Amino acid sequence: MDTPNTEEPHLRHVELDVLIPKKMREKARELCSQHVQAFSTCCKENGFLMVLKCREENAVLKDCLTKYYKDPDFFEDCKQEYIREKLEYERTGIPAKKRKEKLPTSM
């Protein structure tokens, strides 16, 4: 008899310390995309001088990203999203990336 598991699944060390922070970085980059774009543009325009000329853009980007990295609610949201993806993978055997790629185009 299968009973639904209502308690949170155990997460391995690598999941807590590597995979969830990776998800946090990806989502934070999306949320700070305006600052990422500004820093990238500055770097492309200044080449090797970017170290000197893009300090302001770098500081703003770093502040934006750090705000998300240090937010416990953001960590919990990313953790829950990771758990949902993990459970879906265990159920279907299809990784999240493949699931997004293989949407039917016509029926």
PDB file of N, CA and C in Angstrom:
ATOM      1  N   MET A   1       0.839  -1.193   0.000  1.00  0.00           N
ATOM      2  CA  MET A   1       0.000   0.000   0.000  1.00  0.00           C
ATOM      3  C   MET A   1       0.875   1.243   0.000  1.00  0.00           C
ATOM      4  N   ASP A   2       0.633   2.082  -0.965  1.00  0.00           N
ATOM      5  CA  ASP A   2       1.368   3.334  -1.036  1.00  0.00           C
ATOM      6  C   ASP A   2       0.586   4.417  -0.314  1.00  0.00           C
ATOM      7  N   THR A   3       1.256   5.065   0.612  1.00  0.00           N
ATOM      8  CA  THR A   3       0.654   6.211   1.276  1.00  0.00           C
ATOM      9  C   THR A   3       1.452   7.434   0.862  1.00  0.00           C
ATOM     10  N   PRO A   4       0.777   8.545   0.618  1.00  0.00           N
ATOM     11  CA  PRO A   4       1.514   9.728   0.205  1.00  0.00           C
ATOM     12  C   PRO A   4       2.465  10.183   1.305  1.00  0.00           C
ATOM     13  N   ASN A   5       3.671  10.503   0.915  1.00  0.00           N
ATOM     14  CA  ASN A   5       4.681  10.965   1.854  1.00  0.00           C
ATOM     15  C   ASN A   5       4.531  12.476   2.014  1.00  0.00           C
ATOM     16  N   THR A   6       4.016  12.905   3.160  1.00  0.00           N
ATOM     17  CA  THR A   6       3.755  14.323   3.368  1.00  0.00           C
ATOM     18  C   THR A   6       4.956  15.044   3.955  1.00  0.00           C
ATOM     19  N   GLU A   7       5.905  14.299   4.516  1.00  0.00           N
ATOM     20  CA  GLU A   7       7.063  14.990   5.060  1.00  0.00           C
ATOM     21  C   GLU A   7       8.100  15.224   3.970  1.00  0.00           C
ATOM     22  N   GLU A   8       8.917  16.236   4.182  1.00  0.00           N
ATOM     23  CA  GLU A   8       9.907  16.635   3.188  1.00  0.00           C
ATOM     24  C   GLU A   8      10.948  15.533   2.996  1.00  0.00           C
ATOM     25  N   PRO A   9      11.297  15.230   1.746  1.00  0.00           N
ATOM     26  CA  PRO A   9      12.287  14.178   1.515  1.00  0.00           C
ATOM     27  C   PRO A   9      13.669  14.592   2.010  1.00  0.00           C
ATOM     28  N   HIS A  10      14.457  13.598   2.389  1.00  0.00           N
ATOM     29  CA  HIS A  10      15.815  13.857   2.848  1.00  0.00           C
ATOM     30  C   HIS A  10      16.658  14.333   1.671  1.00  0.00           C
ATOM     31  N   LEU A  11      17.397  15.402   1.878  1.00  0.00           N
ATOM     32  CA  LEU A  11      18.270  15.917   0.827  1.00  0.00           C
ATOM     33  C   LEU A  11      19.712  15.586   1.170  1.00  0.00           C
ATOM     34  N   ARG A  12      20.427  15.121   0.159  1.00  0.00           N
ATOM     35  CA  ARG A  12      21.833  14.793   0.353  1.00  0.00           C
ATOM     36  C   ARG A  12      22.662  16.071   0.483  1.00  0.00           C
ATOM     37  N   HIS A  13      23.868  15.896   1.002  1.00  0.00           N
ATOM     38  CA  HIS A  13      24.792  17.009   1.195  1.00  0.00           C
ATOM     39  C   HIS A  13      25.027  17.763  -0.117  1.00  0.00           C
ATOM     40  N   VAL A  14      25.239  17.034  -1.194  1.00  0.00           N
ATOM     41  CA  VAL A  14      25.504  17.664  -2.492  1.00  0.00           C
ATOM     42  C   VAL A  14      24.293  18.458  -2.978  1.00  0.00           C
ATOM     43  N   GLU A  15      23.114  18.014  -2.656  1.00  0.00           N
ATOM     44  CA  GLU A  15      21.907  18.747  -3.066  1.00  0.00           C
ATOM     45  C   GLU A  15      21.804  20.073  -2.319  1.00  0.00           C
ATOM     46  N   LEU A  16      22.039  20.030  -1.005  1.00  0.00           N
ATOM     47  CA  LEU A  16      21.928  21.245  -0.193  1.00  0.00           C
ATOM     48  C   LEU A  16      23.054  22.240  -0.467  1.00  0.00           C
ATOM     49  N   ASP A  17      24.262  21.726  -0.691  1.00  0.00           N
ATOM     50  CA  ASP A  17      25.423  22.608  -0.809  1.00  0.00           C
ATOM     51  C   ASP A  17      25.827  22.938  -2.236  1.00  0.00           C
ATOM     52  N   VAL A  18      25.329  22.189  -3.219  1.00  0.00           N
ATOM     53  CA  VAL A  18      25.735  22.430  -4.599  1.00  0.00           C
ATOM     54  C   VAL A  18      24.539  22.682  -5.512  1.00  0.00           C
ATOM     55  N   LEU A  19      23.611  21.747  -5.560  1.00  0.00           N
ATOM     56  CA  LEU A  19      22.529  21.827  -6.548  1.00  0.00           C
ATOM     57  C   LEU A  19      21.521  22.937  -6.256  1.00  0.00           C
ATOM     58  N   ILE A  20      21.125  23.079  -4.996  1.00  0.00           N
ATOM     59  CA  ILE A  20      20.171  24.153  -4.664  1.00  0.00           C
ATOM     60  C   ILE A  20      20.827  25.524  -4.809  1.00  0.00           C
ATOM     61  N   PRO A  21      22.073  25.712  -4.325  1.00  0.00           N
ATOM     62  CA  PRO A  21      22.722  27.007  -4.595  1.00  0.00           C
ATOM     63  C   PRO A  21      22.894  27.298  -6.091  1.00  0.00           C
ATOM     64  N   LYS A  22      23.107  26.265  -6.901  1.00  0.00           N
ATOM     65  CA  LYS A  22      23.197  26.463  -8.352  1.00  0.00           C
ATOM     66  C   LYS A  22      21.868  26.994  -8.880  1.00  0.00           C
ATOM     67  N   LYS A  23      20.775  26.412  -8.412  1.00  0.00           N
ATOM     68  CA  LYS A  23      19.444  26.877  -8.813  1.00  0.00           C
ATOM     69  C   LYS A  23      19.242  28.321  -8.347  1.00  0.00           C
ATOM     70  N   MET A  24      19.713  28.635  -7.148  1.00  0.00           N
ATOM     71  CA  MET A  24      19.603  30.005  -6.635  1.00  0.00           C
ATOM     72  C   MET A  24      20.359  30.985  -7.531  1.00  0.00           C
ATOM     73  N   ARG A  25      21.574  30.611  -7.939  1.00  0.00           N
ATOM     74  CA  ARG A  25      22.369  31.484  -8.810  1.00  0.00           C
ATOM     75  C   ARG A  25      21.652  31.727 -10.140  1.00  0.00           C
ATOM     76  N   GLU A  26      21.109  30.653 -10.712  1.00  0.00           N
ATOM     77  CA  GLU A  26      20.409  30.787 -11.993  1.00  0.00           C
ATOM     78  C   GLU A  26      19.202  31.711 -11.873  1.00  0.00           C
ATOM     79  N   LYS A  27      18.412  31.507 -10.820  1.00  0.00           N
ATOM     80  CA  LYS A  27      17.212  32.339 -10.647  1.00  0.00           C
ATOM     81  C   LYS A  27      17.589  33.782 -10.304  1.00  0.00           C
ATOM     82  N   ALA A  28      18.631  33.962  -9.488  1.00  0.00           N
ATOM     83  CA  ALA A  28      19.066  35.313  -9.130  1.00  0.00           C
ATOM     84  C   ALA A  28      19.564  36.056 -10.365  1.00  0.00           C
ATOM     85  N   ARG A  29      20.263  35.350 -11.253  1.00  0.00           N
ATOM     86  CA  ARG A  29      20.729  35.982 -12.504  1.00  0.00           C
ATOM     87  C   ARG A  29      19.537  36.439 -13.344  1.00  0.00           C
ATOM     88  N   GLU A  30      18.473  35.636 -13.364  1.00  0.00           N
ATOM     89  CA  GLU A  30      17.272  36.042 -14.109  1.00  0.00           C
ATOM     90  C   GLU A  30      16.637  37.268 -13.462  1.00  0.00           C
ATOM     91  N   LEU A  31      16.564  37.265 -12.127  1.00  0.00           N
ATOM     92  CA  LEU A  31      15.932  38.375 -11.422  1.00  0.00           C
ATOM     93  C   LEU A  31      16.770  39.656 -11.506  1.00  0.00           C
ATOM     94  N   CYS A  32      18.090  39.496 -11.654  1.00  0.00           N
ATOM     95  CA  CYS A  32      18.989  40.643 -11.763  1.00  0.00           C
ATOM     96  C   CYS A  32      19.442  40.848 -13.210  1.00  0.00           C
ATOM     97  N   SER A  33      18.652  40.385 -14.152  1.00  0.00           N
ATOM     98  CA  SER A  33      19.076  40.386 -15.555  1.00  0.00           C
ATOM     99  C   SER A  33      19.430  41.779 -16.071  1.00  0.00           C
ATOM    100  N   GLN A  34      18.757  42.786 -15.574  1.00  0.00           N
ATOM    101  CA  GLN A  34      19.050  44.160 -16.001  1.00  0.00           C
ATOM    102  C   GLN A  34      20.488  44.520 -15.622  1.00  0.00           C
ATOM    103  N   HIS A  35      20.906  44.165 -14.413  1.00  0.00           N
ATOM    104  CA  HIS A  35      22.257  44.472 -13.946  1.00  0.00           C
ATOM    105  C   HIS A  35      23.291  43.592 -14.643  1.00  0.00           C
ATOM    106  N   VAL A  36      22.931  42.333 -14.894  1.00  0.00           N
ATOM    107  CA  VAL A  36      23.828  41.429 -15.626  1.00  0.00           C
ATOM    108  C   VAL A  36      24.079  42.001 -17.015  1.00  0.00           C
ATOM    109  N   GLN A  37      23.038  42.464 -17.677  1.00  0.00           N
ATOM    110  CA  GLN A  37      23.166  43.025 -19.017  1.00  0.00           C
ATOM    111  C   GLN A  37      24.029  44.284 -19.002  1.00  0.00           C
ATOM    112  N   ALA A  38      23.822  45.141 -18.019  1.00  0.00           N
ATOM    113  CA  ALA A  38      24.611  46.374 -17.933  1.00  0.00           C
ATOM    114  C   ALA A  38      26.094  46.055 -17.730  1.00  0.00           C
ATOM    115  N   PHE A  39      26.390  45.089 -16.864  1.00  0.00           N
ATOM    116  CA  PHE A  39      27.781  44.703 -16.613  1.00  0.00           C
ATOM    117  C   PHE A  39      28.387  44.067 -17.866  1.00  0.00           C
ATOM    118  N   SER A  40      27.639  43.203 -18.529  1.00  0.00           N
ATOM    119  CA  SER A  40      28.143  42.550 -19.749  1.00  0.00           C
ATOM    120  C   SER A  40      28.445  43.581 -20.829  1.00  0.00           C
ATOM    121  N   THR A  41      27.551  44.532 -21.003  1.00  0.00           N
ATOM    122  CA  THR A  41      27.748  45.583 -22.004  1.00  0.00           C
ATOM    123  C   THR A  41      28.995  46.394 -21.680  1.00  0.00           C
ATOM    124  N   CYS A  42      29.155  46.763 -20.425  1.00  0.00           N
ATOM    125  CA  CYS A  42      30.323  47.527 -20.002  1.00  0.00           C
ATOM    126  C   CYS A  42      31.606  46.745 -20.288  1.00  0.00           C
ATOM    127  N   CYS A  43      31.607  45.458 -19.979  1.00  0.00           N
ATOM    128  CA  CYS A  43      32.789  44.621 -20.203  1.00  0.00           C
ATOM    129  C   CYS A  43      33.130  44.527 -21.689  1.00  0.00           C
ATOM    130  N   LYS A  44      32.108  44.370 -22.524  1.00  0.00           N
ATOM    131  CA  LYS A  44      32.339  44.264 -23.972  1.00  0.00           C
ATOM    132  C   LYS A  44      32.893  45.571 -24.535  1.00  0.00           C
ATOM    133  N   GLU A  45      32.401  46.688 -24.018  1.00  0.00           N
ATOM    134  CA  GLU A  45      32.829  47.983 -24.524  1.00  0.00           C
ATOM    135  C   GLU A  45      34.245  48.352 -24.085  1.00  0.00           C
ATOM    136  N   ASN A  46      34.676  47.854 -22.923  1.00  0.00           N
ATOM    137  CA  ASN A  46      35.942  48.307 -22.361  1.00  0.00           C
ATOM    138  C   ASN A  46      37.080  47.299 -22.431  1.00  0.00           C
ATOM    139  N   GLY A  47      36.800  46.081 -22.837  1.00  0.00           N
ATOM    140  CA  GLY A  47      37.874  45.094 -22.982  1.00  0.00           C
ATOM    141  C   GLY A  47      38.672  44.905 -21.705  1.00  0.00           C
ATOM    142  N   PHE A  48      39.995  45.028 -21.809  1.00  0.00           N
ATOM    143  CA  PHE A  48      40.856  44.809 -20.643  1.00  0.00           C
ATOM    144  C   PHE A  48      40.701  45.884 -19.578  1.00  0.00           C
ATOM    145  N   LEU A  49      40.199  47.036 -19.955  1.00  0.00           N
ATOM    146  CA  LEU A  49      40.009  48.122 -18.989  1.00  0.00           C
ATOM    147  C   LEU A  49      38.747  47.929 -18.151  1.00  0.00           C
ATOM    148  N   MET A  50      38.028  46.846 -18.404  1.00  0.00           N
ATOM    149  CA  MET A  50      36.784  46.619 -17.663  1.00  0.00           C
ATOM    150  C   MET A  50      37.022  46.557 -16.160  1.00  0.00           C
ATOM    151  N   VAL A  51      38.196  46.081 -15.754  1.00  0.00           N
ATOM    152  CA  VAL A  51      38.506  45.986 -14.328  1.00  0.00           C
ATOM    153  C   VAL A  51      38.392  47.357 -13.670  1.00  0.00           C
ATOM    154  N   LEU A  52      38.815  48.371 -14.379  1.00  0.00           N
ATOM    155  CA  LEU A  52      38.773  49.728 -13.832  1.00  0.00           C
ATOM    156  C   LEU A  52      37.467  50.450 -14.133  1.00  0.00           C
ATOM    157  N   LYS A  53      36.968  50.276 -15.336  1.00  0.00           N
ATOM    158  CA  LYS A  53      35.832  51.083 -15.781  1.00  0.00           C
ATOM    159  C   LYS A  53      34.459  50.517 -15.409  1.00  0.00           C
ATOM    160  N   CYS A  54      34.380  49.250 -15.043  1.00  0.00           N
ATOM    161  CA  CYS A  54      33.075  48.637 -14.766  1.00  0.00           C
ATOM    162  C   CYS A  54      32.870  48.345 -13.286  1.00  0.00           C
ATOM    163  N   ARG A  55      33.600  49.020 -12.451  1.00  0.00           N
ATOM    164  CA  ARG A  55      33.472  48.765 -11.000  1.00  0.00           C
ATOM    165  C   ARG A  55      32.072  49.054 -10.490  1.00  0.00           C
ATOM    166  N   GLU A  56      31.501  50.147 -10.954  1.00  0.00           N
ATOM    167  CA  GLU A  56      30.166  50.529 -10.480  1.00  0.00           C
ATOM    168  C   GLU A  56      29.123  49.491 -10.886  1.00  0.00           C
ATOM    169  N   GLU A  57      29.150  49.067 -12.155  1.00  0.00           N
ATOM    170  CA  GLU A  57      28.217  48.050 -12.634  1.00  0.00           C
ATOM    171  C   GLU A  57      28.404  46.729 -11.888  1.00  0.00           C
ATOM    172  N   ASN A  58      29.682  46.393 -11.643  1.00  0.00           N
ATOM    173  CA  ASN A  58      29.984  45.158 -10.916  1.00  0.00           C
ATOM    174  C   ASN A  58      29.445  45.218  -9.488  1.00  0.00           C
ATOM    175  N   ALA A  59      29.615  46.352  -8.833  1.00  0.00           N
ATOM    176  CA  ALA A  59      29.139  46.511  -7.452  1.00  0.00           C
ATOM    177  C   ALA A  59      27.617  46.395  -7.382  1.00  0.00           C
ATOM    178  N   VAL A  60      26.929  47.019  -8.329  1.00  0.00           N
ATOM    179  CA  VAL A  60      25.462  46.969  -8.355  1.00  0.00           C
ATOM    180  C   VAL A  60      24.998  45.532  -8.596  1.00  0.00           C
ATOM    181  N   LEU A  61      25.644  44.849  -9.543  1.00  0.00           N
ATOM    182  CA  LEU A  61      25.302  43.453  -9.829  1.00  0.00           C
ATOM    183  C   LEU A  61      25.554  42.573  -8.611  1.00  0.00           C
ATOM    184  N   LYS A  62      26.693  42.758  -7.988  1.00  0.00           N
ATOM    185  CA  LYS A  62      27.037  41.953  -6.811  1.00  0.00           C
ATOM    186  C   LYS A  62      26.032  42.180  -5.678  1.00  0.00           C
ATOM    187  N   ASP A  63      25.628  43.426  -5.470  1.00  0.00           N
ATOM    188  CA  ASP A  63      24.637  43.732  -4.435  1.00  0.00           C
ATOM    189  C   ASP A  63      23.306  43.046  -4.724  1.00  0.00           C
ATOM    190  N   CYS A  64      22.886  43.096  -5.973  1.00  0.00           N
ATOM    191  CA  CYS A  64      21.617  42.473  -6.363  1.00  0.00           C
ATOM    192  C   CYS A  64      21.669  40.964  -6.133  1.00  0.00           C
ATOM    193  N   LEU A  65      22.740  40.328  -6.604  1.00  0.00           N
ATOM    194  CA  LEU A  65      22.860  38.874  -6.446  1.00  0.00           C
ATOM    195  C   LEU A  65      22.969  38.482  -4.977  1.00  0.00           C
ATOM    196  N   THR A  66      23.767  39.216  -4.214  1.00  0.00           N
ATOM    197  CA  THR A  66      23.966  38.903  -2.795  1.00  0.00           C
ATOM    198  C   THR A  66      22.669  39.018  -2.008  1.00  0.00           C
ATOM    199  N   LYS A  67      21.841  39.981  -2.395  1.00  0.00           N
ATOM    200  CA  LYS A  67      20.536  40.150  -1.733  1.00  0.00           C
ATOM    201  C   LYS A  67      19.736  38.846  -1.816  1.00  0.00           C
ATOM    202  N   TYR A  68      19.762  38.209  -2.978  1.00  0.00           N
ATOM    203  CA  TYR A  68      19.027  36.955  -3.146  1.00  0.00           C
ATOM    204  C   TYR A  68      19.737  35.788  -2.467  1.00  0.00           C
ATOM    205  N   TYR A  69      21.067  35.746  -2.557  1.00  0.00           N
ATOM    206  CA  TYR A  69      21.813  34.629  -1.968  1.00  0.00           C
ATOM    207  C   TYR A  69      21.614  34.553  -0.457  1.00  0.00           C
ATOM    208  N   LYS A  70      21.459  35.697   0.181  1.00  0.00           N
ATOM    209  CA  LYS A  70      21.356  35.734   1.645  1.00  0.00           C
ATOM    210  C   LYS A  70      19.918  35.667   2.147  1.00  0.00           C
ATOM    211  N   ASP A  71      18.959  35.630   1.246  1.00  0.00           N
ATOM    212  CA  ASP A  71      17.545  35.627   1.628  1.00  0.00           C
ATOM    213  C   ASP A  71      17.084  34.202   1.936  1.00  0.00           C
ATOM    214  N   PRO A  72      16.743  33.898   3.202  1.00  0.00           N
ATOM    215  CA  PRO A  72      16.317  32.533   3.551  1.00  0.00           C
ATOM    216  C   PRO A  72      15.021  32.121   2.853  1.00  0.00           C
ATOM    217  N   ASP A  73      14.137  33.060   2.582  1.00  0.00           N
ATOM    218  CA  ASP A  73      12.896  32.731   1.870  1.00  0.00           C
ATOM    219  C   ASP A  73      13.188  32.327   0.427  1.00  0.00           C
ATOM    220  N   PHE A  74      14.150  33.010  -0.198  1.00  0.00           N
ATOM    221  CA  PHE A  74      14.546  32.676  -1.566  1.00  0.00           C
ATOM    222  C   PHE A  74      15.168  31.284  -1.598  1.00  0.00           C
ATOM    223  N   PHE A  75      16.006  30.972  -0.582  1.00  0.00           N
ATOM    224  CA  PHE A  75      16.597  29.634  -0.488  1.00  0.00           C
ATOM    225  C   PHE A  75      15.495  28.589  -0.369  1.00  0.00           C
ATOM    226  N   GLU A  76      14.523  28.853   0.478  1.00  0.00           N
ATOM    227  CA  GLU A  76      13.432  27.894   0.689  1.00  0.00           C
ATOM    228  C   GLU A  76      12.610  27.709  -0.589  1.00  0.00           C
ATOM    229  N   ASP A  77      12.354  28.790  -1.318  1.00  0.00           N
ATOM    230  CA  ASP A  77      11.623  28.688  -2.589  1.00  0.00           C
ATOM    231  C   ASP A  77      12.388  27.819  -3.585  1.00  0.00           C
ATOM    232  N   CYS A  78      13.696  28.057  -3.684  1.00  0.00           N
ATOM    233  CA  CYS A  78      14.527  27.270  -4.615  1.00  0.00           C
ATOM    234  C   CYS A  78      14.606  25.817  -4.168  1.00  0.00           C
ATOM    235  N   LYS A  79      14.654  25.602  -2.870  1.00  0.00           N
ATOM    236  CA  LYS A  79      14.693  24.238  -2.333  1.00  0.00           C
ATOM    237  C   LYS A  79      13.405  23.493  -2.673  1.00  0.00           C
ATOM    238  N   GLN A  80      12.272  24.149  -2.486  1.00  0.00           N
ATOM    239  CA  GLN A  80      10.989  23.518  -2.800  1.00  0.00           C
ATOM    240  C   GLN A  80      10.868  23.242  -4.297  1.00  0.00           C
ATOM    241  N   GLU A  81      11.354  24.164  -5.120  1.00  0.00           N
ATOM    242  CA  GLU A  81      11.336  23.944  -6.565  1.00  0.00           C
ATOM    243  C   GLU A  81      12.225  22.756  -6.924  1.00  0.00           C
ATOM    244  N   TYR A  82      13.394  22.663  -6.297  1.00  0.00           N
ATOM    245  CA  TYR A  82      14.295  21.542  -6.548  1.00  0.00           C
ATOM    246  C   TYR A  82      13.626  20.220  -6.151  1.00  0.00           C
ATOM    247  N   ILE A  83      12.964  20.215  -4.995  1.00  0.00           N
ATOM    248  CA  ILE A  83      12.286  18.995  -4.521  1.00  0.00           C
ATOM    249  C   ILE A  83      11.184  18.593  -5.485  1.00  0.00           C
ATOM    250  N   ARG A  84      10.400  19.560  -5.980  1.00  0.00           N
ATOM    251  CA  ARG A  84       9.357  19.249  -6.958  1.00  0.00           C
ATOM    252  C   ARG A  84       9.951  18.625  -8.222  1.00  0.00           C
ATOM    253  N   GLU A  85      11.045  19.211  -8.707  1.00  0.00           N
ATOM    254  CA  GLU A  85      11.692  18.677  -9.910  1.00  0.00           C
ATOM    255  C   GLU A  85      12.249  17.273  -9.650  1.00  0.00           C
ATOM    256  N   LYS A  86      12.816  17.072  -8.460  1.00  0.00           N
ATOM    257  CA  LYS A  86      13.378  15.764  -8.108  1.00  0.00           C
ATOM    258  C   LYS A  86      12.278  14.709  -8.036  1.00  0.00           C
ATOM    259  N   LEU A  87      11.169  15.042  -7.398  1.00  0.00           N
ATOM    260  CA  LEU A  87      10.059  14.093  -7.290  1.00  0.00           C
ATOM    261  C   LEU A  87       9.458  13.797  -8.656  1.00  0.00           C
ATOM    262  N   GLU A  88       9.359  14.812  -9.503  1.00  0.00           N
ATOM    263  CA  GLU A  88       8.843  14.613 -10.855  1.00  0.00           C
ATOM    264  C   GLU A  88       9.782  13.705 -11.652  1.00  0.00           C
ATOM    265  N   TYR A  89      11.084  13.897 -11.483  1.00  0.00           N
ATOM    266  CA  TYR A  89      12.051  13.036 -12.165  1.00  0.00           C
ATOM    267  C   TYR A  89      11.928  11.593 -11.680  1.00  0.00           C
ATOM    268  N   GLU A  90      11.795  11.421 -10.356  1.00  0.00           N
ATOM    269  CA  GLU A  90      11.648  10.070  -9.805  1.00  0.00           C
ATOM    270  C   GLU A  90      10.372   9.412 -10.325  1.00  0.00           C
ATOM    271  N   ARG A  91       9.323  10.205 -10.531  1.00  0.00           N
ATOM    272  CA  ARG A  91       8.046   9.679 -11.009  1.00  0.00           C
ATOM    273  C   ARG A  91       8.093   9.326 -12.493  1.00  0.00           C
ATOM    274  N   THR A  92       8.715  10.217 -13.313  1.00  0.00           N
ATOM    275  CA  THR A  92       8.665  10.036 -14.760  1.00  0.00           C
ATOM    276  C   THR A  92       9.959   9.510 -15.369  1.00  0.00           C
ATOM    277  N   GLY A  93      11.086   9.786 -14.731  1.00  0.00           N
ATOM    278  CA  GLY A  93      12.375   9.407 -15.307  1.00  0.00           C
ATOM    279  C   GLY A  93      12.870  10.394 -16.348  1.00  0.00           C
ATOM    280  N   ILE A  94      12.155  11.503 -16.521  1.00  0.00           N
ATOM    281  CA  ILE A  94      12.541  12.517 -17.500  1.00  0.00           C
ATOM    282  C   ILE A  94      13.078  13.743 -16.746  1.00  0.00           C
ATOM    283  N   PRO A  95      14.342  14.141 -17.011  1.00  0.00           N
ATOM    284  CA  PRO A  95      14.888  15.330 -16.344  1.00  0.00           C
ATOM    285  C   PRO A  95      14.113  16.589 -16.729  1.00  0.00           C
ATOM    286  N   ALA A  96      14.144  17.593 -15.873  1.00  0.00           N
ATOM    287  CA  ALA A  96      13.402  18.835 -16.095  1.00  0.00           C
ATOM    288  C   ALA A  96      13.797  19.493 -17.415  1.00  0.00           C
ATOM    289  N   LYS A  97      15.086  19.491 -17.749  1.00  0.00           N
ATOM    290  CA  LYS A  97      15.531  20.112 -18.996  1.00  0.00           C
ATOM    291  C   LYS A  97      14.918  19.419 -20.200  1.00  0.00           C
ATOM    292  N   LYS A  98      14.885  18.101 -20.187  1.00  0.00           N
ATOM    293  CA  LYS A  98      14.318  17.343 -21.304  1.00  0.00           C
ATOM    294  C   LYS A  98      12.812  17.557 -21.395  1.00  0.00           C
ATOM    295  N   ARG A  99      12.155  17.646 -20.224  1.00  0.00           N
ATOM    296  CA  ARG A  99      10.709  17.848 -20.207  1.00  0.00           C
ATOM    297  C   ARG A  99      10.351  19.166 -20.886  1.00  0.00           C
ATOM    298  N   LYS A 100      11.148  20.191 -20.659  1.00  0.00           N
ATOM    299  CA  LYS A 100      10.881  21.495 -21.261  1.00  0.00           C
ATOM    300  C   LYS A 100      11.172  21.485 -22.752  1.00  0.00           C
ATOM    301  N   GLU A 101      12.177  20.713 -23.165  1.00  0.00           N
ATOM    302  CA  GLU A 101      12.554  20.666 -24.571  1.00  0.00           C
ATOM    303  C   GLU A 101      11.571  19.879 -25.414  1.00  0.00           C
ATOM    304  N   LYS A 102      10.990  18.820 -24.872  1.00  0.00           N
ATOM    305  CA  LYS A 102      10.188  17.909 -25.670  1.00  0.00           C
ATOM    306  C   LYS A 102       8.685  18.168 -25.569  1.00  0.00           C
ATOM    307  N   LEU A 103       8.310  19.411 -25.596  1.00  0.00           N
ATOM    308  CA  LEU A 103       6.889  19.723 -25.632  1.00  0.00           C
ATOM    309  C   LEU A 103       6.364  19.415 -27.015  1.00  0.00           C
ATOM    310  N   PRO A 104       5.190  18.814 -27.108  1.00  0.00           N
ATOM    311  CA  PRO A 104       4.651  18.486 -28.439  1.00  0.00           C
ATOM    312  C   PRO A 104       4.389  19.748 -29.241  1.00  0.00           C
ATOM    313  N   THR A 105       4.800  19.720 -30.497  1.00  0.00           N
ATOM    314  CA  THR A 105       4.595  20.887 -31.361  1.00  0.00           C
ATOM    315  C   THR A 105       3.300  20.822 -32.138  1.00  0.00           C
ATOM    316  N   SER A 106       2.830  19.603 -32.409  1.00  0.00           N
ATOM    317  CA  SER A 106       1.550  19.458 -33.110  1.00  0.00           C
ATOM    318  C   SER A 106       0.920  18.125 -32.714  1.00  0.00           C
ATOM    319  N   MET A 107      -0.360  18.067 -32.864  1.00  0.00           N
ATOM    320  CA  MET A 107      -1.068  16.834 -32.528  1.00  0.00           C
ATOM    321  C   MET A 107      -1.920  16.395 -33.689  1.00  0.00           C
TER     322      MET A 107
END
